[in-house]
Amino acid sequence: MSRVVPPAIPAGLEGLLGRFIAEMEADLATLQSMVESGDDGLPEHLHAMRGKCAMFGEDILFAELSAIDVGGRPSPERLAVIAARVADLASLDISPDA
């Protein structure tokens, strides 16, 4: 069984990890919808997701999102990797005693 690598959360933001993960889950759903519909707002959405990842030290997801060409659309394979990472984050035990 592999261990999920948690984000390298900067000091002071630890208590917001649950909110960050919830936002990534919602952002992923929006991303998938935008890709399917061909929404022109996709670059801005990707930029916002990358910014949140950078702020919370989520380097893995940041790198995957950054690998999408500016103005481009994620391939189905990259979208699957992004979705898998968000699922990994959602599986983290974020209780205060974890």
PDB file of N, CA and C in Angstrom:
ATOM      1  N   MET A   1       0.847  -1.188   0.000  1.00  0.00           N
ATOM      2  CA  MET A   1       0.000   0.000   0.000  1.00  0.00           C
ATOM      3  C   MET A   1       0.886   1.243   0.000  1.00  0.00           C
ATOM      4  N   SER A   2       0.645   2.127  -0.938  1.00  0.00           N
ATOM      5  CA  SER A   2       1.457   3.333  -1.010  1.00  0.00           C
ATOM      6  C   SER A   2       0.900   4.409  -0.091  1.00  0.00           C
ATOM      7  N   ARG A   3       1.786   5.229   0.369  1.00  0.00           N
ATOM      8  CA  ARG A   3       1.413   6.323   1.269  1.00  0.00           C
ATOM      9  C   ARG A   3       1.232   7.590   0.445  1.00  0.00           C
ATOM     10  N   VAL A   4       0.162   8.311   0.701  1.00  0.00           N
ATOM     11  CA  VAL A   4      -0.106   9.562   0.000  1.00  0.00           C
ATOM     12  C   VAL A   4       0.822  10.637   0.546  1.00  0.00           C
ATOM     13  N   VAL A   5       1.504  11.315  -0.343  1.00  0.00           N
ATOM     14  CA  VAL A   5       2.394  12.406   0.050  1.00  0.00           C
ATOM     15  C   VAL A   5       1.534  13.644   0.282  1.00  0.00           C
ATOM     16  N   PRO A   6       1.517  14.155   1.526  1.00  0.00           N
ATOM     17  CA  PRO A   6       0.716  15.356   1.792  1.00  0.00           C
ATOM     18  C   PRO A   6       1.407  16.606   1.257  1.00  0.00           C
ATOM     19  N   PRO A   7       0.650  17.677   1.076  1.00  0.00           N
ATOM     20  CA  PRO A   7       1.277  18.932   0.658  1.00  0.00           C
ATOM     21  C   PRO A   7       2.222  19.445   1.739  1.00  0.00           C
ATOM     22  N   ALA A   8       3.200  20.228   1.340  1.00  0.00           N
ATOM     23  CA  ALA A   8       4.135  20.861   2.279  1.00  0.00           C
ATOM     24  C   ALA A   8       3.523  22.186   2.726  1.00  0.00           C
ATOM     25  N   ILE A   9       2.540  22.101   3.597  1.00  0.00           N
ATOM     26  CA  ILE A   9       1.745  23.264   3.992  1.00  0.00           C
ATOM     27  C   ILE A   9       2.594  24.260   4.782  1.00  0.00           C
ATOM     28  N   PRO A  10       2.592  25.521   4.367  1.00  0.00           N
ATOM     29  CA  PRO A  10       3.328  26.536   5.122  1.00  0.00           C
ATOM     30  C   PRO A  10       2.749  26.707   6.531  1.00  0.00           C
ATOM     31  N   ALA A  11       3.615  27.053   7.456  1.00  0.00           N
ATOM     32  CA  ALA A  11       3.188  27.279   8.838  1.00  0.00           C
ATOM     33  C   ALA A  11       2.055  28.292   8.878  1.00  0.00           C
ATOM     34  N   GLY A  12       1.076  27.978   9.690  1.00  0.00           N
ATOM     35  CA  GLY A  12      -0.070  28.862   9.861  1.00  0.00           C
ATOM     36  C   GLY A  12      -1.263  28.500   8.998  1.00  0.00           C
ATOM     37  N   LEU A  13      -1.054  27.657   7.987  1.00  0.00           N
ATOM     38  CA  LEU A  13      -2.159  27.271   7.109  1.00  0.00           C
ATOM     39  C   LEU A  13      -2.646  25.843   7.363  1.00  0.00           C
ATOM     40  N   GLU A  14      -2.037  25.162   8.323  1.00  0.00           N
ATOM     41  CA  GLU A  14      -2.380  23.761   8.576  1.00  0.00           C
ATOM     42  C   GLU A  14      -3.869  23.563   8.828  1.00  0.00           C
ATOM     43  N   GLY A  15      -4.476  24.474   9.549  1.00  0.00           N
ATOM     44  CA  GLY A  15      -5.892  24.358   9.887  1.00  0.00           C
ATOM     45  C   GLY A  15      -6.821  24.540   8.702  1.00  0.00           C
ATOM     46  N   LEU A  16      -6.287  24.973   7.576  1.00  0.00           N
ATOM     47  CA  LEU A  16      -7.106  25.203   6.383  1.00  0.00           C
ATOM     48  C   LEU A  16      -6.989  24.078   5.358  1.00  0.00           C
ATOM     49  N   LEU A  17      -6.268  23.010   5.705  1.00  0.00           N
ATOM     50  CA  LEU A  17      -6.069  21.918   4.754  1.00  0.00           C
ATOM     51  C   LEU A  17      -7.395  21.324   4.285  1.00  0.00           C
ATOM     52  N   GLY A  18      -8.318  21.122   5.192  1.00  0.00           N
ATOM     53  CA  GLY A  18      -9.617  20.561   4.814  1.00  0.00           C
ATOM     54  C   GLY A  18     -10.345  21.431   3.809  1.00  0.00           C
ATOM     55  N   ARG A  19     -10.288  22.725   4.019  1.00  0.00           N
ATOM     56  CA  ARG A  19     -10.927  23.660   3.078  1.00  0.00           C
ATOM     57  C   ARG A  19     -10.222  23.618   1.720  1.00  0.00           C
ATOM     58  N   PHE A  20      -8.894  23.561   1.736  1.00  0.00           N
ATOM     59  CA  PHE A  20      -8.136  23.472   0.486  1.00  0.00           C
ATOM     60  C   PHE A  20      -8.537  22.228  -0.298  1.00  0.00           C
ATOM     61  N   ILE A  21      -8.609  21.096   0.385  1.00  0.00           N
ATOM     62  CA  ILE A  21      -8.972  19.848  -0.285  1.00  0.00           C
ATOM     63  C   ILE A  21     -10.384  19.940  -0.856  1.00  0.00           C
ATOM     64  N   ALA A  22     -11.310  20.486  -0.091  1.00  0.00           N
ATOM     65  CA  ALA A  22     -12.686  20.646  -0.586  1.00  0.00           C
ATOM     66  C   ALA A  22     -12.715  21.547  -1.821  1.00  0.00           C
ATOM     67  N   GLU A  23     -11.912  22.603  -1.806  1.00  0.00           N
ATOM     68  CA  GLU A  23     -11.852  23.496  -2.973  1.00  0.00           C
ATOM     69  C   GLU A  23     -11.249  22.786  -4.173  1.00  0.00           C
ATOM     70  N   MET A  24     -10.243  21.959  -3.957  1.00  0.00           N
ATOM     71  CA  MET A  24      -9.651  21.218  -5.072  1.00  0.00           C
ATOM     72  C   MET A  24     -10.659  20.233  -5.666  1.00  0.00           C
ATOM     73  N   GLU A  25     -11.472  19.612  -4.811  1.00  0.00           N
ATOM     74  CA  GLU A  25     -12.503  18.703  -5.325  1.00  0.00           C
ATOM     75  C   GLU A  25     -13.515  19.469  -6.177  1.00  0.00           C
ATOM     76  N   ALA A  26     -13.942  20.632  -5.698  1.00  0.00           N
ATOM     77  CA  ALA A  26     -14.890  21.457  -6.459  1.00  0.00           C
ATOM     78  C   ALA A  26     -14.234  21.989  -7.729  1.00  0.00           C
ATOM     79  N   ASP A  27     -12.974  22.416  -7.619  1.00  0.00           N
ATOM     80  CA  ASP A  27     -12.256  22.925  -8.790  1.00  0.00           C
ATOM     81  C   ASP A  27     -12.062  21.834  -9.840  1.00  0.00           C
ATOM     82  N   LEU A  28     -11.827  20.605  -9.399  1.00  0.00           N
ATOM     83  CA  LEU A  28     -11.683  19.494 -10.334  1.00  0.00           C
ATOM     84  C   LEU A  28     -12.982  19.277 -11.104  1.00  0.00           C
ATOM     85  N   ALA A  29     -14.107  19.292 -10.400  1.00  0.00           N
ATOM     86  CA  ALA A  29     -15.403  19.118 -11.069  1.00  0.00           C
ATOM     87  C   ALA A  29     -15.622  20.227 -12.097  1.00  0.00           C
ATOM     88  N   THR A  30     -15.268  21.450 -11.729  1.00  0.00           N
ATOM     89  CA  THR A  30     -15.392  22.577 -12.660  1.00  0.00           C
ATOM     90  C   THR A  30     -14.453  22.393 -13.843  1.00  0.00           C
ATOM     91  N   LEU A  31     -13.221  21.982 -13.574  1.00  0.00           N
ATOM     92  CA  LEU A  31     -12.242  21.747 -14.630  1.00  0.00           C
ATOM     93  C   LEU A  31     -12.764  20.714 -15.628  1.00  0.00           C
ATOM     94  N   GLN A  32     -13.272  19.601 -15.120  1.00  0.00           N
ATOM     95  CA  GLN A  32     -13.790  18.552 -15.995  1.00  0.00           C
ATOM     96  C   GLN A  32     -14.949  19.068 -16.843  1.00  0.00           C
ATOM     97  N   SER A  33     -15.831  19.827 -16.241  1.00  0.00           N
ATOM     98  CA  SER A  33     -16.968  20.399 -16.959  1.00  0.00           C
ATOM     99  C   SER A  33     -16.500  21.378 -18.036  1.00  0.00           C
ATOM    100  N   MET A  34     -15.527  22.204 -17.692  1.00  0.00           N
ATOM    101  CA  MET A  34     -15.012  23.187 -18.648  1.00  0.00           C
ATOM    102  C   MET A  34     -14.337  22.503 -19.835  1.00  0.00           C
ATOM    103  N   VAL A  35     -13.603  21.434 -19.566  1.00  0.00           N
ATOM    104  CA  VAL A  35     -12.942  20.697 -20.643  1.00  0.00           C
ATOM    105  C   VAL A  35     -13.994  20.093 -21.569  1.00  0.00           C
ATOM    106  N   GLU A  36     -15.010  19.466 -20.978  1.00  0.00           N
ATOM    107  CA  GLU A  36     -16.068  18.832 -21.775  1.00  0.00           C
ATOM    108  C   GLU A  36     -16.831  19.836 -22.626  1.00  0.00           C
ATOM    109  N   SER A  37     -17.078  21.020 -22.080  1.00  0.00           N
ATOM    110  CA  SER A  37     -17.897  22.009 -22.786  1.00  0.00           C
ATOM    111  C   SER A  37     -17.083  22.941 -23.687  1.00  0.00           C
ATOM    112  N   GLY A  38     -15.749  22.883 -23.578  1.00  0.00           N
ATOM    113  CA  GLY A  38     -14.917  23.782 -24.369  1.00  0.00           C
ATOM    114  C   GLY A  38     -14.946  25.218 -23.876  1.00  0.00           C
ATOM    115  N   ASP A  39     -15.211  25.395 -22.592  1.00  0.00           N
ATOM    116  CA  ASP A  39     -15.319  26.726 -21.987  1.00  0.00           C
ATOM    117  C   ASP A  39     -14.031  27.531 -22.175  1.00  0.00           C
ATOM    118  N   ASP A  40     -14.175  28.763 -22.659  1.00  0.00           N
ATOM    119  CA  ASP A  40     -13.024  29.640 -22.884  1.00  0.00           C
ATOM    120  C   ASP A  40     -12.386  30.140 -21.591  1.00  0.00           C
ATOM    121  N   GLY A  41     -13.040  29.952 -20.462  1.00  0.00           N
ATOM    122  CA  GLY A  41     -12.499  30.391 -19.180  1.00  0.00           C
ATOM    123  C   GLY A  41     -11.517  29.411 -18.570  1.00  0.00           C
ATOM    124  N   LEU A  42     -11.212  28.334 -19.287  1.00  0.00           N
ATOM    125  CA  LEU A  42     -10.323  27.299 -18.759  1.00  0.00           C
ATOM    126  C   LEU A  42      -8.950  27.832 -18.337  1.00  0.00           C
ATOM    127  N   PRO A  43      -8.273  28.663 -19.132  1.00  0.00           N
ATOM    128  CA  PRO A  43      -6.956  29.153 -18.684  1.00  0.00           C
ATOM    129  C   PRO A  43      -7.007  29.885 -17.341  1.00  0.00           C
ATOM    130  N   GLU A  44      -8.033  30.679 -17.134  1.00  0.00           N
ATOM    131  CA  GLU A  44      -8.160  31.402 -15.864  1.00  0.00           C
ATOM    132  C   GLU A  44      -8.413  30.432 -14.709  1.00  0.00           C
ATOM    133  N   HIS A  45      -9.218  29.405 -14.977  1.00  0.00           N
ATOM    134  CA  HIS A  45      -9.507  28.421 -13.929  1.00  0.00           C
ATOM    135  C   HIS A  45      -8.231  27.653 -13.567  1.00  0.00           C
ATOM    136  N   LEU A  46      -7.471  27.252 -14.573  1.00  0.00           N
ATOM    137  CA  LEU A  46      -6.209  26.560 -14.313  1.00  0.00           C
ATOM    138  C   LEU A  46      -5.254  27.450 -13.518  1.00  0.00           C
ATOM    139  N   HIS A  47      -5.204  28.719 -13.867  1.00  0.00           N
ATOM    140  CA  HIS A  47      -4.349  29.675 -13.151  1.00  0.00           C
ATOM    141  C   HIS A  47      -4.758  29.764 -11.676  1.00  0.00           C
ATOM    142  N   ALA A  48      -6.053  29.833 -11.423  1.00  0.00           N
ATOM    143  CA  ALA A  48      -6.543  29.913 -10.039  1.00  0.00           C
ATOM    144  C   ALA A  48      -6.207  28.644  -9.267  1.00  0.00           C
ATOM    145  N   MET A  49      -6.368  27.483  -9.907  1.00  0.00           N
ATOM    146  CA  MET A  49      -6.033  26.223  -9.241  1.00  0.00           C
ATOM    147  C   MET A  49      -4.543  26.167  -8.911  1.00  0.00           C
ATOM    148  N   ARG A  50      -3.704  26.574  -9.859  1.00  0.00           N
ATOM    149  CA  ARG A  50      -2.250  26.580  -9.609  1.00  0.00           C
ATOM    150  C   ARG A  50      -1.900  27.504  -8.452  1.00  0.00           C
ATOM    151  N   GLY A  51      -2.543  28.657  -8.396  1.00  0.00           N
ATOM    152  CA  GLY A  51      -2.280  29.595  -7.310  1.00  0.00           C
ATOM    153  C   GLY A  51      -2.612  29.010  -5.949  1.00  0.00           C
ATOM    154  N   LYS A  52      -3.747  28.330  -5.857  1.00  0.00           N
ATOM    155  CA  LYS A  52      -4.124  27.690  -4.585  1.00  0.00           C
ATOM    156  C   LYS A  52      -3.108  26.614  -4.218  1.00  0.00           C
ATOM    157  N   CYS A  53      -2.697  25.824  -5.217  1.00  0.00           N
ATOM    158  CA  CYS A  53      -1.714  24.769  -4.952  1.00  0.00           C
ATOM    159  C   CYS A  53      -0.391  25.359  -4.474  1.00  0.00           C
ATOM    160  N   ALA A  54       0.037  26.438  -5.101  1.00  0.00           N
ATOM    161  CA  ALA A  54       1.291  27.083  -4.695  1.00  0.00           C
ATOM    162  C   ALA A  54       1.193  27.587  -3.262  1.00  0.00           C
ATOM    163  N   MET A  55       0.068  28.191  -2.923  1.00  0.00           N
ATOM    164  CA  MET A  55      -0.105  28.747  -1.583  1.00  0.00           C
ATOM    165  C   MET A  55      -0.078  27.656  -0.512  1.00  0.00           C
ATOM    166  N   PHE A  56      -0.595  26.465  -0.838  1.00  0.00           N
ATOM    167  CA  PHE A  56      -0.668  25.386   0.139  1.00  0.00           C
ATOM    168  C   PHE A  56       0.474  24.378   0.011  1.00  0.00           C
ATOM    169  N   GLY A  57       1.468  24.674  -0.801  1.00  0.00           N
ATOM    170  CA  GLY A  57       2.612  23.773  -0.921  1.00  0.00           C
ATOM    171  C   GLY A  57       2.282  22.463  -1.606  1.00  0.00           C
ATOM    172  N   GLU A  58       1.260  22.459  -2.445  1.00  0.00           N
ATOM    173  CA  GLU A  58       0.850  21.242  -3.156  1.00  0.00           C
ATOM    174  C   GLU A  58       1.593  21.185  -4.487  1.00  0.00           C
ATOM    175  N   ASP A  59       2.856  20.754  -4.402  1.00  0.00           N
ATOM    176  CA  ASP A  59       3.751  20.764  -5.552  1.00  0.00           C
ATOM    177  C   ASP A  59       3.377  19.753  -6.631  1.00  0.00           C
ATOM    178  N   ILE A  60       2.843  18.610  -6.243  1.00  0.00           N
ATOM    179  CA  ILE A  60       2.509  17.566  -7.218  1.00  0.00           C
ATOM    180  C   ILE A  60       1.403  18.045  -8.152  1.00  0.00           C
ATOM    181  N   LEU A  61       0.317  18.515  -7.588  1.00  0.00           N
ATOM    182  CA  LEU A  61      -0.800  18.996  -8.393  1.00  0.00           C
ATOM    183  C   LEU A  61      -0.406  20.266  -9.147  1.00  0.00           C
ATOM    184  N   PHE A  62       0.382  21.124  -8.513  1.00  0.00           N
ATOM    185  CA  PHE A  62       0.865  22.337  -9.181  1.00  0.00           C
ATOM    186  C   PHE A  62       1.621  21.973 -10.459  1.00  0.00           C
ATOM    187  N   ALA A  63       2.500  20.980 -10.375  1.00  0.00           N
ATOM    188  CA  ALA A  63       3.291  20.571 -11.540  1.00  0.00           C
ATOM    189  C   ALA A  63       2.398  20.013 -12.641  1.00  0.00           C
ATOM    190  N   GLU A  64       1.419  19.208 -12.271  1.00  0.00           N
ATOM    191  CA  GLU A  64       0.510  18.644 -13.279  1.00  0.00           C
ATOM    192  C   GLU A  64      -0.296  19.738 -13.964  1.00  0.00           C
ATOM    193  N   LEU A  65      -0.787  20.687 -13.191  1.00  0.00           N
ATOM    194  CA  LEU A  65      -1.561  21.790 -13.766  1.00  0.00           C
ATOM    195  C   LEU A  65      -0.673  22.689 -14.619  1.00  0.00           C
ATOM    196  N   SER A  66       0.568  22.872 -14.206  1.00  0.00           N
ATOM    197  CA  SER A  66       1.497  23.732 -14.938  1.00  0.00           C
ATOM    198  C   SER A  66       1.950  23.103 -16.250  1.00  0.00           C
ATOM    199  N   ALA A  67       1.865  21.791 -16.353  1.00  0.00           N
ATOM    200  CA  ALA A  67       2.291  21.095 -17.570  1.00  0.00           C
ATOM    201  C   ALA A  67       1.312  21.288 -18.727  1.00  0.00           C
ATOM    202  N   ILE A  68       0.149  21.843 -18.436  1.00  0.00           N
ATOM    203  CA  ILE A  68      -0.832  22.111 -19.487  1.00  0.00           C
ATOM    204  C   ILE A  68      -0.413  23.404 -20.182  1.00  0.00           C
ATOM    205  N   ASP A  69      -0.249  23.340 -21.480  1.00  0.00           N
ATOM    206  CA  ASP A  69       0.181  24.518 -22.241  1.00  0.00           C
ATOM    207  C   ASP A  69      -0.766  25.682 -22.014  1.00  0.00           C
ATOM    208  N   VAL A  70      -0.197  26.880 -21.980  1.00  0.00           N
ATOM    209  CA  VAL A  70      -1.001  28.093 -21.839  1.00  0.00           C
ATOM    210  C   VAL A  70      -2.013  28.129 -22.983  1.00  0.00           C
ATOM    211  N   GLY A  71      -3.261  28.271 -22.627  1.00  0.00           N
ATOM    212  CA  GLY A  71      -4.319  28.291 -23.627  1.00  0.00           C
ATOM    213  C   GLY A  71      -4.710  26.922 -24.130  1.00  0.00           C
ATOM    214  N   GLY A  72      -4.018  25.891 -23.631  1.00  0.00           N
ATOM    215  CA  GLY A  72      -4.307  24.532 -24.072  1.00  0.00           C
ATOM    216  C   GLY A  72      -5.356  23.855 -23.207  1.00  0.00           C
ATOM    217  N   ARG A  73      -5.626  22.636 -23.556  1.00  0.00           N
ATOM    218  CA  ARG A  73      -6.589  21.827 -22.813  1.00  0.00           C
ATOM    219  C   ARG A  73      -5.862  20.579 -22.320  1.00  0.00           C
ATOM    220  N   PRO A  74      -6.173  20.130 -21.115  1.00  0.00           N
ATOM    221  CA  PRO A  74      -5.506  18.922 -20.619  1.00  0.00           C
ATOM    222  C   PRO A  74      -5.933  17.697 -21.421  1.00  0.00           C
ATOM    223  N   SER A  75      -4.980  16.820 -21.669  1.00  0.00           N
ATOM    224  CA  SER A  75      -5.300  15.555 -22.328  1.00  0.00           C
ATOM    225  C   SER A  75      -6.119  14.711 -21.357  1.00  0.00           C
ATOM    226  N   PRO A  76      -6.839  13.714 -21.867  1.00  0.00           N
ATOM    227  CA  PRO A  76      -7.567  12.823 -20.955  1.00  0.00           C
ATOM    228  C   PRO A  76      -6.643  12.167 -19.934  1.00  0.00           C
ATOM    229  N   GLU A  77      -5.417  11.844 -20.361  1.00  0.00           N
ATOM    230  CA  GLU A  77      -4.457  11.216 -19.448  1.00  0.00           C
ATOM    231  C   GLU A  77      -4.052  12.174 -18.333  1.00  0.00           C
ATOM    232  N   ARG A  78      -3.761  13.425 -18.689  1.00  0.00           N
ATOM    233  CA  ARG A  78      -3.366  14.399 -17.668  1.00  0.00           C
ATOM    234  C   ARG A  78      -4.538  14.684 -16.738  1.00  0.00           C
ATOM    235  N   LEU A  79      -5.735  14.781 -17.288  1.00  0.00           N
ATOM    236  CA  LEU A  79      -6.918  15.014 -16.461  1.00  0.00           C
ATOM    237  C   LEU A  79      -7.104  13.865 -15.468  1.00  0.00           C
ATOM    238  N   ALA A  80      -6.814  12.640 -15.901  1.00  0.00           N
ATOM    239  CA  ALA A  80      -6.920  11.481 -15.008  1.00  0.00           C
ATOM    240  C   ALA A  80      -5.885  11.557 -13.889  1.00  0.00           C
ATOM    241  N   VAL A  81      -4.673  12.012 -14.209  1.00  0.00           N
ATOM    242  CA  VAL A  81      -3.624  12.159 -13.190  1.00  0.00           C
ATOM    243  C   VAL A  81      -4.023  13.234 -12.185  1.00  0.00           C
ATOM    244  N   ILE A  82      -4.568  14.340 -12.674  1.00  0.00           N
ATOM    245  CA  ILE A  82      -5.018  15.422 -11.791  1.00  0.00           C
ATOM    246  C   ILE A  82      -6.131  14.918 -10.881  1.00  0.00           C
ATOM    247  N   ALA A  83      -7.087  14.195 -11.457  1.00  0.00           N
ATOM    248  CA  ALA A  83      -8.198  13.655 -10.665  1.00  0.00           C
ATOM    249  C   ALA A  83      -7.694  12.671  -9.613  1.00  0.00           C
ATOM    250  N   ALA A  84      -6.708  11.854  -9.974  1.00  0.00           N
ATOM    251  CA  ALA A  84      -6.159  10.885  -9.022  1.00  0.00           C
ATOM    252  C   ALA A  84      -5.466  11.597  -7.863  1.00  0.00           C
ATOM    253  N   ARG A  85      -4.740  12.668  -8.156  1.00  0.00           N
ATOM    254  CA  ARG A  85      -4.063  13.402  -7.078  1.00  0.00           C
ATOM    255  C   ARG A  85      -5.071  14.057  -6.150  1.00  0.00           C
ATOM    256  N   VAL A  86      -6.132  14.636  -6.712  1.00  0.00           N
ATOM    257  CA  VAL A  86      -7.173  15.238  -5.870  1.00  0.00           C
ATOM    258  C   VAL A  86      -7.807  14.156  -4.996  1.00  0.00           C
ATOM    259  N   ALA A  87      -8.038  12.975  -5.550  1.00  0.00           N
ATOM    260  CA  ALA A  87      -8.591  11.868  -4.757  1.00  0.00           C
ATOM    261  C   ALA A  87      -7.621  11.462  -3.651  1.00  0.00           C
ATOM    262  N   ASP A  88      -6.325  11.441  -3.959  1.00  0.00           N
ATOM    263  CA  ASP A  88      -5.321  11.137  -2.932  1.00  0.00           C
ATOM    264  C   ASP A  88      -5.374  12.160  -1.801  1.00  0.00           C
ATOM    265  N   LEU A  89      -5.461  13.433  -2.158  1.00  0.00           N
ATOM    266  CA  LEU A  89      -5.541  14.479  -1.134  1.00  0.00           C
ATOM    267  C   LEU A  89      -6.782  14.291  -0.275  1.00  0.00           C
ATOM    268  N   ALA A  90      -7.892  13.942  -0.912  1.00  0.00           N
ATOM    269  CA  ALA A  90      -9.143  13.755  -0.175  1.00  0.00           C
ATOM    270  C   ALA A  90      -9.066  12.568   0.779  1.00  0.00           C
ATOM    271  N   SER A  91      -8.144  11.642   0.521  1.00  0.00           N
ATOM    272  CA  SER A  91      -8.013  10.469   1.388  1.00  0.00           C
ATOM    273  C   SER A  91      -7.147  10.731   2.618  1.00  0.00           C
ATOM    274  N   LEU A  92      -6.504  11.887   2.679  1.00  0.00           N
ATOM    275  CA  LEU A  92      -5.646  12.201   3.826  1.00  0.00           C
ATOM    276  C   LEU A  92      -6.468  12.338   5.101  1.00  0.00           C
ATOM    277  N   ASP A  93      -5.893  11.880   6.201  1.00  0.00           N
ATOM    278  CA  ASP A  93      -6.510  12.061   7.516  1.00  0.00           C
ATOM    279  C   ASP A  93      -6.141  13.462   7.985  1.00  0.00           C
ATOM    280  N   ILE A  94      -7.113  14.349   7.982  1.00  0.00           N
ATOM    281  CA  ILE A  94      -6.827  15.744   8.346  1.00  0.00           C
ATOM    282  C   ILE A  94      -7.293  16.085   9.754  1.00  0.00           C
ATOM    283  N   SER A  95      -7.529  15.054  10.560  1.00  0.00           N
ATOM    284  CA  SER A  95      -7.927  15.319  11.944  1.00  0.00           C
ATOM    285  C   SER A  95      -6.750  15.958  12.682  1.00  0.00           C
ATOM    286  N   PRO A  96      -7.022  16.750  13.714  1.00  0.00           N
ATOM    287  CA  PRO A  96      -5.946  17.442  14.440  1.00  0.00           C
ATOM    288  C   PRO A  96      -4.901  16.507  15.023  1.00  0.00           C
ATOM    289  N   ASP A  97      -5.271  15.255  15.296  1.00  0.00           N
ATOM    290  CA  ASP A  97      -4.334  14.312  15.904  1.00  0.00           C
ATOM    291  C   ASP A  97      -3.567  13.498  14.878  1.00  0.00           C
ATOM    292  N   ALA A  98      -3.813  13.755  13.586  1.00  0.00           N
ATOM    293  CA  ALA A  98      -3.178  12.942  12.534  1.00  0.00           C
ATOM    294  C   ALA A  98      -1.697  13.241  12.436  1.00  0.00           C
TER     295      ALA A  98
END
